[in-house]
């Protein structure tokens, strides 16, 4: 269930002020609630000085991209689209815990020329205050490049961002969190386009059965399904339909994670080499 904090007008006002001071900005937009709120603030504060850019790659389902396009049109945003090629990078495909760093490097390498061509003063993306205390290697790329993150800078956590989005009438305020499809593959297992398409197909099948927050964790022939804890009883009750749908995507075995949906659950699979103890 989506949890909302009380709406904090002070932090939202601070975020607006930060955005206003940018003068003009290219917003890295995904259609998620964070980047949508950031885009809304930029449009309100900067008018034509705010442009959204949507990046597409095999790591993102086309259904998510189309939702993002539709929302941008409904908002009246100016939207630019680009393609990124992170999956082709060896450092990304080998899928170590720094994968997101290489993803953001590719993203910002692609977006910076767009920002410059459009004559916009800044590049910004929708990092939140929650990200500051989590394992977010991609954020290091943004920091070193001077990319701005007004929502984080204003101290806004995810639940408060949702509350602000609802207050401002954004249609996706309660959209489930979504991470790239590569996040379903255990660290150390190579990311391939074929695996990404298999995950995409399995998750789409589960969503068509009415499951709201879904992750299909990819363990070679095994699909480990995570849904919100409240949906686990229905997942088990409908196990035959669920298993058939996921096997149709190409998995041989289908399992349900009884702990339910958890961000970063695959971080447990990473076993770094043990460093020698200092004497």
C-alpha atoms as a PDB file:
ATOM      1  CA  UNK A   1       0.000   0.000   0.000  1.00  0.00           C
ATOM      2  CA  UNK A   2       1.228   3.506  -0.838  1.00  0.00           C
ATOM      3  CA  UNK A   3       2.189   5.428   2.300  1.00  0.00           C
ATOM      4  CA  UNK A   4       1.968   9.224   2.259  1.00  0.00           C
ATOM      5  CA  UNK A   5       3.602  11.679   4.611  1.00  0.00           C
ATOM      6  CA  UNK A   6       1.756  14.799   5.640  1.00  0.00           C
ATOM      7  CA  UNK A   7       2.192  17.366   2.910  1.00  0.00           C
ATOM      8  CA  UNK A   8       5.130  19.637   3.803  1.00  0.00           C
ATOM      9  CA  UNK A   9       4.675  22.968   2.061  1.00  0.00           C
ATOM     10  CA  UNK A  10       8.017  24.214   3.377  1.00  0.00           C
ATOM     11  CA  UNK A  11      10.138  21.591   1.632  1.00  0.00           C
ATOM     12  CA  UNK A  12       8.080  21.860  -1.544  1.00  0.00           C
ATOM     13  CA  UNK A  13       8.608  25.633  -1.476  1.00  0.00           C
ATOM     14  CA  UNK A  14      12.348  25.039  -1.085  1.00  0.00           C
ATOM     15  CA  UNK A  15      12.335  22.686  -4.069  1.00  0.00           C
ATOM     16  CA  UNK A  16      10.510  25.330  -6.121  1.00  0.00           C
ATOM     17  CA  UNK A  17      13.100  27.930  -5.159  1.00  0.00           C
ATOM     18  CA  UNK A  18      15.959  25.644  -6.115  1.00  0.00           C
ATOM     19  CA  UNK A  19      14.352  24.935  -9.492  1.00  0.00           C
ATOM     20  CA  UNK A  20      13.632  28.628 -10.064  1.00  0.00           C
ATOM     21  CA  UNK A  21      17.280  29.507  -9.427  1.00  0.00           C
ATOM     22  CA  UNK A  22      18.386  27.087 -12.141  1.00  0.00           C
ATOM     23  CA  UNK A  23      17.088  29.512 -14.785  1.00  0.00           C
ATOM     24  CA  UNK A  24      16.599  26.754 -17.353  1.00  0.00           C
ATOM     25  CA  UNK A  25      16.866  22.993 -17.097  1.00  0.00           C
ATOM     26  CA  UNK A  26      16.758  19.703 -18.958  1.00  0.00           C
ATOM     27  CA  UNK A  27      14.897  17.230 -16.741  1.00  0.00           C
ATOM     28  CA  UNK A  28      15.830  13.548 -17.005  1.00  0.00           C
ATOM     29  CA  UNK A  29      12.275  12.254 -17.106  1.00  0.00           C
ATOM     30  CA  UNK A  30      11.118   8.644 -16.782  1.00  0.00           C
ATOM     31  CA  UNK A  31       7.402   8.949 -16.072  1.00  0.00           C
ATOM     32  CA  UNK A  32       7.925   7.965 -12.438  1.00  0.00           C
ATOM     33  CA  UNK A  33       6.492  10.144  -9.701  1.00  0.00           C
ATOM     34  CA  UNK A  34       9.855  11.699  -8.734  1.00  0.00           C
ATOM     35  CA  UNK A  35      10.866  12.944 -12.167  1.00  0.00           C
ATOM     36  CA  UNK A  36       7.270  13.938 -12.934  1.00  0.00           C
ATOM     37  CA  UNK A  37       7.078  16.153  -9.863  1.00  0.00           C
ATOM     38  CA  UNK A  38      10.435  17.664 -10.757  1.00  0.00           C
ATOM     39  CA  UNK A  39       9.218  18.330 -14.299  1.00  0.00           C
ATOM     40  CA  UNK A  40       6.001  19.895 -12.984  1.00  0.00           C
ATOM     41  CA  UNK A  41       7.951  22.267 -10.743  1.00  0.00           C
ATOM     42  CA  UNK A  42      10.282  23.146 -13.603  1.00  0.00           C
ATOM     43  CA  UNK A  43       7.371  23.884 -15.929  1.00  0.00           C
ATOM     44  CA  UNK A  44       5.683  26.018 -13.272  1.00  0.00           C
ATOM     45  CA  UNK A  45       8.822  27.976 -12.418  1.00  0.00           C
ATOM     46  CA  UNK A  46      10.671  28.158 -15.729  1.00  0.00           C
ATOM     47  CA  UNK A  47       8.029  27.867 -18.448  1.00  0.00           C
ATOM     48  CA  UNK A  48       9.723  27.320 -21.802  1.00  0.00           C
ATOM     49  CA  UNK A  49      13.025  27.029 -19.951  1.00  0.00           C
ATOM     50  CA  UNK A  50      11.992  23.539 -18.840  1.00  0.00           C
ATOM     51  CA  UNK A  51      12.421  20.594 -21.219  1.00  0.00           C
ATOM     52  CA  UNK A  52      11.923  16.899 -20.451  1.00  0.00           C
ATOM     53  CA  UNK A  53      14.102  14.184 -21.953  1.00  0.00           C
ATOM     54  CA  UNK A  54      13.095  10.525 -22.024  1.00  0.00           C
ATOM     55  CA  UNK A  55      15.820   7.913 -22.522  1.00  0.00           C
ATOM     56  CA  UNK A  56      14.968   4.510 -23.993  1.00  0.00           C
ATOM     57  CA  UNK A  57      17.020   1.320 -23.872  1.00  0.00           C
ATOM     58  CA  UNK A  58      16.424  -2.452 -23.636  1.00  0.00           C
ATOM     59  CA  UNK A  59      16.534  -2.105 -19.837  1.00  0.00           C
ATOM     60  CA  UNK A  60      13.135  -0.343 -19.828  1.00  0.00           C
ATOM     61  CA  UNK A  61       9.840  -1.844 -21.019  1.00  0.00           C
ATOM     62  CA  UNK A  62       8.161  -0.102 -23.920  1.00  0.00           C
ATOM     63  CA  UNK A  63       4.959  -0.019 -21.867  1.00  0.00           C
ATOM     64  CA  UNK A  64       6.688   2.208 -19.287  1.00  0.00           C
ATOM     65  CA  UNK A  65       8.014   4.476 -22.029  1.00  0.00           C
ATOM     66  CA  UNK A  66       4.586   4.879 -23.607  1.00  0.00           C
ATOM     67  CA  UNK A  67       3.041   5.745 -20.247  1.00  0.00           C
ATOM     68  CA  UNK A  68       5.741   8.391 -19.802  1.00  0.00           C
ATOM     69  CA  UNK A  69       5.038   9.857 -23.235  1.00  0.00           C
ATOM     70  CA  UNK A  70       1.304   9.997 -22.597  1.00  0.00           C
ATOM     71  CA  UNK A  71       1.768  11.714 -19.249  1.00  0.00           C
ATOM     72  CA  UNK A  72       4.161  14.281 -20.716  1.00  0.00           C
ATOM     73  CA  UNK A  73       1.625  15.073 -23.434  1.00  0.00           C
ATOM     74  CA  UNK A  74      -1.140  15.455 -20.847  1.00  0.00           C
ATOM     75  CA  UNK A  75       1.049  17.860 -18.870  1.00  0.00           C
ATOM     76  CA  UNK A  76       1.852  19.903 -21.975  1.00  0.00           C
ATOM     77  CA  UNK A  77       5.561  19.318 -21.517  1.00  0.00           C
ATOM     78  CA  UNK A  78       8.115  19.698 -24.259  1.00  0.00           C
ATOM     79  CA  UNK A  79       9.589  16.208 -24.592  1.00  0.00           C
ATOM     80  CA  UNK A  80      12.808  15.144 -26.301  1.00  0.00           C
ATOM     81  CA  UNK A  81      13.620  11.446 -26.731  1.00  0.00           C
ATOM     82  CA  UNK A  82      17.009   9.768 -26.899  1.00  0.00           C
ATOM     83  CA  UNK A  83      18.371   6.213 -26.912  1.00  0.00           C
ATOM     84  CA  UNK A  84      21.048   5.010 -24.523  1.00  0.00           C
ATOM     85  CA  UNK A  85      23.312   1.995 -24.954  1.00  0.00           C
ATOM     86  CA  UNK A  86      24.314   1.036 -21.429  1.00  0.00           C
ATOM     87  CA  UNK A  87      23.534  -2.655 -22.023  1.00  0.00           C
ATOM     88  CA  UNK A  88      26.316  -2.714 -24.627  1.00  0.00           C
ATOM     89  CA  UNK A  89      28.910  -1.504 -22.100  1.00  0.00           C
ATOM     90  CA  UNK A  90      31.063  -4.276 -20.667  1.00  0.00           C
ATOM     91  CA  UNK A  91      31.189  -2.573 -17.261  1.00  0.00           C
ATOM     92  CA  UNK A  92      27.395  -2.487 -17.161  1.00  0.00           C
ATOM     93  CA  UNK A  93      26.764  -5.957 -18.583  1.00  0.00           C
ATOM     94  CA  UNK A  94      29.053  -7.697 -16.079  1.00  0.00           C
ATOM     95  CA  UNK A  95      26.557  -6.520 -13.461  1.00  0.00           C
ATOM     96  CA  UNK A  96      28.689  -5.767 -10.443  1.00  0.00           C
ATOM     97  CA  UNK A  97      27.188  -3.566  -7.705  1.00  0.00           C
ATOM     98  CA  UNK A  98      28.500  -0.476  -9.538  1.00  0.00           C
ATOM     99  CA  UNK A  99      26.241  -1.214 -12.543  1.00  0.00           C
ATOM    100  CA  UNK A 100      24.073   1.846 -11.871  1.00  0.00           C
ATOM    101  CA  UNK A 101      27.128   4.096 -11.955  1.00  0.00           C
ATOM    102  CA  UNK A 102      27.888   3.009 -15.508  1.00  0.00           C
ATOM    103  CA  UNK A 103      24.227   3.394 -16.422  1.00  0.00           C
ATOM    104  CA  UNK A 104      24.157   6.994 -15.208  1.00  0.00           C
ATOM    105  CA  UNK A 105      27.475   7.699 -16.932  1.00  0.00           C
ATOM    106  CA  UNK A 106      25.950   6.590 -20.232  1.00  0.00           C
ATOM    107  CA  UNK A 107      22.774   8.551 -19.515  1.00  0.00           C
ATOM    108  CA  UNK A 108      24.536  11.803 -18.689  1.00  0.00           C
ATOM    109  CA  UNK A 109      27.006  11.371 -21.564  1.00  0.00           C
ATOM    110  CA  UNK A 110      23.946  11.190 -23.826  1.00  0.00           C
ATOM    111  CA  UNK A 111      21.972  14.016 -22.206  1.00  0.00           C
ATOM    112  CA  UNK A 112      24.734  16.617 -21.845  1.00  0.00           C
ATOM    113  CA  UNK A 113      24.969  17.295 -25.611  1.00  0.00           C
ATOM    114  CA  UNK A 114      21.161  17.639 -25.717  1.00  0.00           C
ATOM    115  CA  UNK A 115      21.291  20.145 -22.860  1.00  0.00           C
ATOM    116  CA  UNK A 116      24.007  22.108 -24.636  1.00  0.00           C
ATOM    117  CA  UNK A 117      22.237  22.040 -27.992  1.00  0.00           C
ATOM    118  CA  UNK A 118      19.046  23.386 -26.397  1.00  0.00           C
ATOM    119  CA  UNK A 119      20.979  26.095 -24.558  1.00  0.00           C
ATOM    120  CA  UNK A 120      19.753  25.024 -21.125  1.00  0.00           C
ATOM    121  CA  UNK A 121      21.774  25.996 -18.079  1.00  0.00           C
ATOM    122  CA  UNK A 122      21.410  22.795 -16.084  1.00  0.00           C
ATOM    123  CA  UNK A 123      20.662  19.081 -16.171  1.00  0.00           C
ATOM    124  CA  UNK A 124      18.561  17.672 -13.322  1.00  0.00           C
ATOM    125  CA  UNK A 125      17.086  14.358 -12.251  1.00  0.00           C
ATOM    126  CA  UNK A 126      14.642  13.158  -9.631  1.00  0.00           C
ATOM    127  CA  UNK A 127      16.824  11.812  -6.805  1.00  0.00           C
ATOM    128  CA  UNK A 128      15.070  11.926  -3.425  1.00  0.00           C
ATOM    129  CA  UNK A 129      16.092  12.282   0.208  1.00  0.00           C
ATOM    130  CA  UNK A 130      15.593   8.526   0.589  1.00  0.00           C
ATOM    131  CA  UNK A 131      18.361   7.959  -1.954  1.00  0.00           C
ATOM    132  CA  UNK A 132      20.931   9.686   0.242  1.00  0.00           C
ATOM    133  CA  UNK A 133      20.976   6.803   2.737  1.00  0.00           C
ATOM    134  CA  UNK A 134      20.715   3.939   0.230  1.00  0.00           C
ATOM    135  CA  UNK A 135      23.222   2.160  -2.011  1.00  0.00           C
ATOM    136  CA  UNK A 136      22.962   4.423  -5.053  1.00  0.00           C
ATOM    137  CA  UNK A 137      26.198   4.263  -7.100  1.00  0.00           C
ATOM    138  CA  UNK A 138      24.472   6.075  -9.951  1.00  0.00           C
ATOM    139  CA  UNK A 139      24.132   9.152  -7.778  1.00  0.00           C
ATOM    140  CA  UNK A 140      27.928   9.415  -7.601  1.00  0.00           C
ATOM    141  CA  UNK A 141      27.968   9.974 -11.357  1.00  0.00           C
ATOM    142  CA  UNK A 142      25.475  12.821 -11.016  1.00  0.00           C
ATOM    143  CA  UNK A 143      27.423  14.453  -8.193  1.00  0.00           C
ATOM    144  CA  UNK A 144      30.759  14.398  -9.987  1.00  0.00           C
ATOM    145  CA  UNK A 145      29.201  15.913 -13.105  1.00  0.00           C
ATOM    146  CA  UNK A 146      27.356  18.710 -11.339  1.00  0.00           C
ATOM    147  CA  UNK A 147      23.912  17.352 -12.228  1.00  0.00           C
ATOM    148  CA  UNK A 148      21.268  18.869  -9.957  1.00  0.00           C
ATOM    149  CA  UNK A 149      18.681  17.005  -7.875  1.00  0.00           C
ATOM    150  CA  UNK A 150      16.297  19.612  -6.406  1.00  0.00           C
ATOM    151  CA  UNK A 151      14.000  17.169  -4.593  1.00  0.00           C
ATOM    152  CA  UNK A 152      16.899  15.656  -2.673  1.00  0.00           C
ATOM    153  CA  UNK A 153      18.424  19.084  -2.107  1.00  0.00           C
ATOM    154  CA  UNK A 154      15.125  20.185  -0.544  1.00  0.00           C
ATOM    155  CA  UNK A 155      15.085  17.101   1.697  1.00  0.00           C
ATOM    156  CA  UNK A 156      11.929  15.556   0.208  1.00  0.00           C
ATOM    157  CA  UNK A 157      11.476  11.796   0.843  1.00  0.00           C
ATOM    158  CA  UNK A 158       9.517   9.544  -1.512  1.00  0.00           C
ATOM    159  CA  UNK A 159       6.300   9.453   0.505  1.00  0.00           C
ATOM    160  CA  UNK A 160       6.255  13.243   0.759  1.00  0.00           C
ATOM    161  CA  UNK A 161       6.913  13.524  -2.968  1.00  0.00           C
ATOM    162  CA  UNK A 162       3.842  11.374  -3.574  1.00  0.00           C
ATOM    163  CA  UNK A 163       1.788  13.608  -1.301  1.00  0.00           C
ATOM    164  CA  UNK A 164       3.000  16.707  -3.139  1.00  0.00           C
ATOM    165  CA  UNK A 165       2.280  15.090  -6.504  1.00  0.00           C
ATOM    166  CA  UNK A 166      -1.248  14.254  -5.423  1.00  0.00           C
ATOM    167  CA  UNK A 167      -1.789  17.794  -4.140  1.00  0.00           C
ATOM    168  CA  UNK A 168      -0.580  19.201  -7.476  1.00  0.00           C
ATOM    169  CA  UNK A 169      -2.922  16.894  -9.398  1.00  0.00           C
ATOM    170  CA  UNK A 170      -0.304  14.645 -11.004  1.00  0.00           C
ATOM    171  CA  UNK A 171      -2.034  11.529 -12.314  1.00  0.00           C
ATOM    172  CA  UNK A 172       0.813   9.183 -11.403  1.00  0.00           C
ATOM    173  CA  UNK A 173       1.165  10.159  -7.733  1.00  0.00           C
ATOM    174  CA  UNK A 174       0.470   6.547  -6.694  1.00  0.00           C
ATOM    175  CA  UNK A 175       2.369   4.815  -9.516  1.00  0.00           C
ATOM    176  CA  UNK A 176       4.353   1.837  -8.151  1.00  0.00           C
ATOM    177  CA  UNK A 177       8.100   2.323  -7.911  1.00  0.00           C
ATOM    178  CA  UNK A 178       9.945   1.014 -10.937  1.00  0.00           C
ATOM    179  CA  UNK A 179      13.626   0.234 -11.405  1.00  0.00           C
ATOM    180  CA  UNK A 180      15.280  -0.864 -14.640  1.00  0.00           C
ATOM    181  CA  UNK A 181      14.857  -4.490 -15.625  1.00  0.00           C
ATOM    182  CA  UNK A 182      18.552  -5.153 -15.022  1.00  0.00           C
ATOM    183  CA  UNK A 183      17.878  -4.785 -11.297  1.00  0.00           C
ATOM    184  CA  UNK A 184      16.078  -8.160 -11.459  1.00  0.00           C
ATOM    185  CA  UNK A 185      19.317  -9.975 -12.353  1.00  0.00           C
ATOM    186  CA  UNK A 186      21.655 -11.015  -9.506  1.00  0.00           C
ATOM    187  CA  UNK A 187      24.951  -9.160  -9.310  1.00  0.00           C
ATOM    188  CA  UNK A 188      27.668 -11.098 -11.087  1.00  0.00           C
ATOM    189  CA  UNK A 189      25.227 -12.589 -13.619  1.00  0.00           C
ATOM    190  CA  UNK A 190      25.691 -11.025 -17.047  1.00  0.00           C
ATOM    191  CA  UNK A 191      22.952  -8.696 -18.238  1.00  0.00           C
ATOM    192  CA  UNK A 192      21.742  -9.669 -21.709  1.00  0.00           C
ATOM    193  CA  UNK A 193      18.986  -8.296 -23.897  1.00  0.00           C
ATOM    194  CA  UNK A 194      17.414 -11.767 -24.013  1.00  0.00           C
ATOM    195  CA  UNK A 195      17.177 -11.900 -20.199  1.00  0.00           C
ATOM    196  CA  UNK A 196      15.711  -8.392 -20.077  1.00  0.00           C
ATOM    197  CA  UNK A 197      13.022  -9.292 -22.610  1.00  0.00           C
ATOM    198  CA  UNK A 198      12.187 -12.461 -20.656  1.00  0.00           C
ATOM    199  CA  UNK A 199      11.789 -10.483 -17.429  1.00  0.00           C
ATOM    200  CA  UNK A 200       9.689  -7.865 -19.208  1.00  0.00           C
ATOM    201  CA  UNK A 201       7.379 -10.533 -20.597  1.00  0.00           C
ATOM    202  CA  UNK A 202       6.933 -12.280 -17.251  1.00  0.00           C
ATOM    203  CA  UNK A 203       6.211  -9.052 -15.365  1.00  0.00           C
ATOM    204  CA  UNK A 204       3.733  -7.927 -18.013  1.00  0.00           C
ATOM    205  CA  UNK A 205       1.933 -11.257 -17.669  1.00  0.00           C
ATOM    206  CA  UNK A 206       1.659 -10.872 -13.900  1.00  0.00           C
ATOM    207  CA  UNK A 207       0.392  -7.313 -14.197  1.00  0.00           C
ATOM    208  CA  UNK A 208      -2.237  -8.526 -16.648  1.00  0.00           C
ATOM    209  CA  UNK A 209      -3.434 -10.832 -13.862  1.00  0.00           C
ATOM    210  CA  UNK A 210      -4.002  -7.778 -11.682  1.00  0.00           C
ATOM    211  CA  UNK A 211      -0.879  -7.705  -9.506  1.00  0.00           C
ATOM    212  CA  UNK A 212       0.118  -4.141  -8.750  1.00  0.00           C
ATOM    213  CA  UNK A 213       3.726  -4.024  -7.504  1.00  0.00           C
ATOM    214  CA  UNK A 214       5.642  -6.817  -9.231  1.00  0.00           C
ATOM    215  CA  UNK A 215       9.251  -7.928  -9.540  1.00  0.00           C
ATOM    216  CA  UNK A 216      10.380 -11.065 -11.339  1.00  0.00           C
ATOM    217  CA  UNK A 217      13.878 -11.831 -10.063  1.00  0.00           C
ATOM    218  CA  UNK A 218      15.813 -13.686 -12.742  1.00  0.00           C
ATOM    219  CA  UNK A 219      17.761 -16.733 -11.541  1.00  0.00           C
ATOM    220  CA  UNK A 220      18.525 -18.383 -14.888  1.00  0.00           C
ATOM    221  CA  UNK A 221      15.706 -20.937 -15.366  1.00  0.00           C
ATOM    222  CA  UNK A 222      13.999 -19.855 -12.136  1.00  0.00           C
ATOM    223  CA  UNK A 223      11.685 -16.852 -11.777  1.00  0.00           C
ATOM    224  CA  UNK A 224      11.363 -15.649  -8.187  1.00  0.00           C
ATOM    225  CA  UNK A 225       8.243 -13.503  -7.916  1.00  0.00           C
ATOM    226  CA  UNK A 226       7.964 -10.622  -5.469  1.00  0.00           C
ATOM    227  CA  UNK A 227       4.645  -8.864  -4.883  1.00  0.00           C
ATOM    228  CA  UNK A 228       3.442  -6.659  -2.038  1.00  0.00           C
ATOM    229  CA  UNK A 229       2.920  -8.666   1.148  1.00  0.00           C
ATOM    230  CA  UNK A 230      -0.838  -8.022   0.981  1.00  0.00           C
ATOM    231  CA  UNK A 231      -0.982  -9.713  -2.437  1.00  0.00           C
ATOM    232  CA  UNK A 232       0.928 -12.862  -1.468  1.00  0.00           C
ATOM    233  CA  UNK A 233      -2.225 -14.820  -0.478  1.00  0.00           C
ATOM    234  CA  UNK A 234      -3.759 -14.185  -3.910  1.00  0.00           C
ATOM    235  CA  UNK A 235      -0.458 -15.047  -5.602  1.00  0.00           C
ATOM    236  CA  UNK A 236      -0.517 -18.430  -3.856  1.00  0.00           C
ATOM    237  CA  UNK A 237      -4.248 -18.954  -4.407  1.00  0.00           C
ATOM    238  CA  UNK A 238      -3.815 -18.344  -8.145  1.00  0.00           C
ATOM    239  CA  UNK A 239      -0.517 -20.227  -8.373  1.00  0.00           C
ATOM    240  CA  UNK A 240      -1.546 -22.312 -11.380  1.00  0.00           C
ATOM    241  CA  UNK A 241      -2.431 -19.260 -13.485  1.00  0.00           C
ATOM    242  CA  UNK A 242       0.659 -17.438 -12.216  1.00  0.00           C
ATOM    243  CA  UNK A 243       2.993 -20.336 -12.991  1.00  0.00           C
ATOM    244  CA  UNK A 244       1.530 -20.820 -16.457  1.00  0.00           C
ATOM    245  CA  UNK A 245       1.887 -17.123 -17.265  1.00  0.00           C
ATOM    246  CA  UNK A 246       5.501 -16.962 -16.137  1.00  0.00           C
ATOM    247  CA  UNK A 247       6.491 -20.206 -17.845  1.00  0.00           C
ATOM    248  CA  UNK A 248       5.043 -18.742 -21.044  1.00  0.00           C
ATOM    249  CA  UNK A 249       7.789 -16.101 -20.778  1.00  0.00           C
ATOM    250  CA  UNK A 250      10.403 -18.860 -20.931  1.00  0.00           C
ATOM    251  CA  UNK A 251      11.117 -19.798 -17.315  1.00  0.00           C
ATOM    252  CA  UNK A 252      11.219 -23.486 -16.379  1.00  0.00           C
ATOM    253  CA  UNK A 253      10.567 -23.014 -12.670  1.00  0.00           C
ATOM    254  CA  UNK A 254       8.409 -20.448 -10.849  1.00  0.00           C
ATOM    255  CA  UNK A 255       8.752 -19.551  -7.174  1.00  0.00           C
ATOM    256  CA  UNK A 256       7.092 -17.028  -4.861  1.00  0.00           C
ATOM    257  CA  UNK A 257       9.166 -15.003  -2.407  1.00  0.00           C
ATOM    258  CA  UNK A 258       7.279 -15.207   0.892  1.00  0.00           C
ATOM    259  CA  UNK A 259       8.998 -12.061   2.166  1.00  0.00           C
ATOM    260  CA  UNK A 260       7.277 -10.066  -0.555  1.00  0.00           C
ATOM    261  CA  UNK A 261       8.482  -7.103  -2.587  1.00  0.00           C
ATOM    262  CA  UNK A 262      11.644  -5.461  -1.329  1.00  0.00           C
ATOM    263  CA  UNK A 263      13.832  -2.888  -3.062  1.00  0.00           C
ATOM    264  CA  UNK A 264      17.411  -4.034  -3.505  1.00  0.00           C
ATOM    265  CA  UNK A 265      16.702  -7.621  -2.439  1.00  0.00           C
ATOM    266  CA  UNK A 266      19.299  -8.931  -4.890  1.00  0.00           C
ATOM    267  CA  UNK A 267      22.047  -7.058  -3.041  1.00  0.00           C
ATOM    268  CA  UNK A 268      22.115 -10.142  -0.789  1.00  0.00           C
ATOM    269  CA  UNK A 269      23.429 -12.228  -3.681  1.00  0.00           C
ATOM    270  CA  UNK A 270      26.665 -10.289  -4.047  1.00  0.00           C
ATOM    271  CA  UNK A 271      29.668 -11.905  -2.389  1.00  0.00           C
ATOM    272  CA  UNK A 272      32.680  -9.621  -2.805  1.00  0.00           C
ATOM    273  CA  UNK A 273      36.121 -11.049  -2.346  1.00  0.00           C
ATOM    274  CA  UNK A 274      37.150 -10.967   1.300  1.00  0.00           C
ATOM    275  CA  UNK A 275      40.014  -8.588   1.750  1.00  0.00           C
ATOM    276  CA  UNK A 276      42.988  -9.615   3.846  1.00  0.00           C
ATOM    277  CA  UNK A 277      42.854  -8.368   7.402  1.00  0.00           C
ATOM    278  CA  UNK A 278      45.417  -5.754   8.275  1.00  0.00           C
ATOM    279  CA  UNK A 279      47.922  -6.750  10.906  1.00  0.00           C
END
